[in-house]
Amino acid sequence: MRLRHDYLVLCFLGFLLPYFHFVPWLLTHGFDLPRFLNELFANRISAFFGLDVFVSAIVLCVFVCSEGRQLGARAVWLPILALVTVGVSLGLPLFLYLRQIQLEQSPRHPRRGGN
């Protein structure tokens, strides 16, 4: 199995696992942003995870934009959209999937992660 297939599986998990918990909350409370933030920062442990994800999201945006530009990758907006609508758990593996495809098609780079 190629590395890009692993990234694709991680995209699926990155979408499914967070939404498995978020959709029931959304159906119960609706788009209640103040309640969402209140529950996200309900204690120091949840705040730790929430802030970790926010910082990771910012780092991912910088990485997607700079690495995408260097590789000449198309559709770098797609991982950003995935980040905003789902989170880092989908945005990162989606970008790595797209990046791997770009690397495998590029004559300048040896195939990476194949086999």
Protein backbone atom coordinates (compact mmCIF):
# COMPACT_ATOMS: atom_id res chain seq x y z
CA MET A 1 0.00 0.00 0.00
CA ARG A 2 1.31 3.43 -0.88
CA LEU A 3 1.80 6.20 1.65
CA ARG A 4 -0.89 8.27 -0.06
CA HIS A 5 -3.40 5.49 0.63
CA ASP A 6 -2.50 5.65 4.32
CA TYR A 7 -3.16 9.39 4.25
CA LEU A 8 -6.52 8.75 2.61
CA VAL A 9 -7.49 6.32 5.40
CA LEU A 10 -6.42 8.97 7.94
CA CYS A 11 -8.62 11.52 6.14
CA PHE A 12 -11.60 9.22 6.59
CA LEU A 13 -10.82 8.70 10.29
CA GLY A 14 -10.09 12.42 10.72
CA PHE A 15 -13.56 13.20 9.49
CA LEU A 16 -15.50 10.34 11.07
CA LEU A 17 -14.13 10.31 14.62
CA PRO A 18 -14.59 14.00 15.50
CA TYR A 19 -17.99 14.26 13.81
CA PHE A 20 -19.16 11.10 15.60
CA HIS A 21 -19.13 13.22 18.76
CA PHE A 22 -19.89 16.63 17.31
CA VAL A 23 -23.04 15.82 15.31
CA PRO A 24 -25.04 14.58 18.35
CA TRP A 25 -23.98 17.69 20.29
CA LEU A 26 -25.00 19.85 17.31
CA LEU A 27 -28.38 18.13 17.04
CA THR A 28 -28.98 18.72 20.75
CA HIS A 29 -27.74 22.31 21.05
CA GLY A 30 -27.73 23.70 17.51
CA PHE A 31 -25.18 26.30 16.40
CA ASP A 32 -24.72 27.70 19.91
CA LEU A 33 -21.20 29.16 19.68
CA PRO A 34 -21.14 30.63 23.23
CA ARG A 35 -22.16 27.26 24.67
CA PHE A 36 -19.63 25.47 22.47
CA LEU A 37 -16.79 27.71 23.67
CA ASN A 38 -17.97 27.47 27.26
CA GLU A 39 -17.90 23.67 27.10
CA LEU A 40 -14.61 23.65 25.21
CA PHE A 41 -12.95 25.72 27.95
CA ALA A 42 -14.91 24.18 30.85
CA ASN A 43 -11.73 23.18 32.68
CA ARG A 44 -7.97 23.36 32.32
CA ILE A 45 -7.67 19.99 30.61
CA SER A 46 -10.25 20.73 27.93
CA ALA A 47 -8.72 24.21 27.48
CA PHE A 48 -5.31 22.55 27.05
CA PHE A 49 -6.66 20.41 24.19
CA GLY A 50 -8.66 23.24 22.66
CA LEU A 51 -5.68 25.61 22.57
CA ASP A 52 -3.42 22.84 21.29
CA VAL A 53 -5.78 22.35 18.35
CA PHE A 54 -6.03 26.11 17.67
CA VAL A 55 -2.24 26.47 17.56
CA SER A 56 -1.94 23.34 15.40
CA ALA A 57 -4.53 24.79 13.01
CA ILE A 58 -2.51 27.99 12.61
CA VAL A 59 0.68 25.98 12.03
CA LEU A 60 -1.14 23.85 9.46
CA CYS A 61 -2.32 26.94 7.55
CA VAL A 62 1.25 28.27 7.38
CA PHE A 63 2.57 24.84 6.33
CA VAL A 64 -0.10 24.32 3.66
CA CYS A 65 0.47 27.74 2.14
CA SER A 66 4.28 27.64 2.14
CA GLU A 67 4.72 23.99 1.16
CA GLY A 68 1.95 24.21 -1.42
CA ARG A 69 3.63 27.22 -3.01
CA GLN A 70 7.03 25.48 -3.08
CA LEU A 71 5.61 22.36 -4.73
CA GLY A 72 3.39 24.29 -7.11
CA ALA A 73 0.49 22.26 -5.77
CA ARG A 74 -3.01 22.98 -6.96
CA ALA A 75 -6.06 23.00 -4.71
CA VAL A 76 -4.25 24.08 -1.54
CA TRP A 77 -7.54 25.70 -0.62
CA LEU A 78 -9.06 22.23 -0.10
CA PRO A 79 -7.09 21.34 3.07
CA ILE A 80 -7.81 24.84 4.43
CA LEU A 81 -11.52 24.28 3.82
CA ALA A 82 -11.24 20.87 5.53
CA LEU A 83 -9.48 22.51 8.46
CA VAL A 84 -12.20 25.12 8.89
CA THR A 85 -15.15 22.74 8.47
CA VAL A 86 -13.80 19.67 10.29
CA GLY A 87 -10.44 20.37 11.86
CA VAL A 88 -6.76 19.51 11.87
CA SER A 89 -7.69 15.82 11.92
CA LEU A 90 -8.90 16.11 8.31
CA GLY A 91 -6.93 19.11 7.04
CA LEU A 92 -3.49 17.67 7.78
CA PRO A 93 -3.88 14.19 6.27
CA LEU A 94 -5.70 15.69 3.27
CA PHE A 95 -2.81 18.06 2.60
CA LEU A 96 -0.28 15.26 3.07
CA TYR A 97 -2.29 13.12 0.62
CA LEU A 98 -2.32 15.90 -1.99
CA ARG A 99 1.35 16.61 -1.34
CA GLN A 100 2.28 12.94 -1.78
CA ILE A 101 0.47 12.79 -5.11
CA GLN A 102 2.35 15.93 -6.22
CA LEU A 103 5.69 14.43 -5.13
CA GLU A 104 5.01 11.15 -6.92
CA GLN A 105 4.18 13.00 -10.15
CA SER A 106 7.13 15.37 -10.00
CA PRO A 107 10.17 14.47 -12.11
CA ARG A 108 12.40 16.45 -9.71
CA HIS A 109 11.59 14.27 -6.70
CA PRO A 110 12.17 10.55 -6.32
CA ARG A 111 9.06 8.58 -5.41
CA ARG A 112 8.64 8.74 -1.68
CA GLY A 113 6.71 6.34 0.48
CA GLY A 114 5.72 4.08 -2.39
CA ASN A 115 5.64 0.27 -2.22
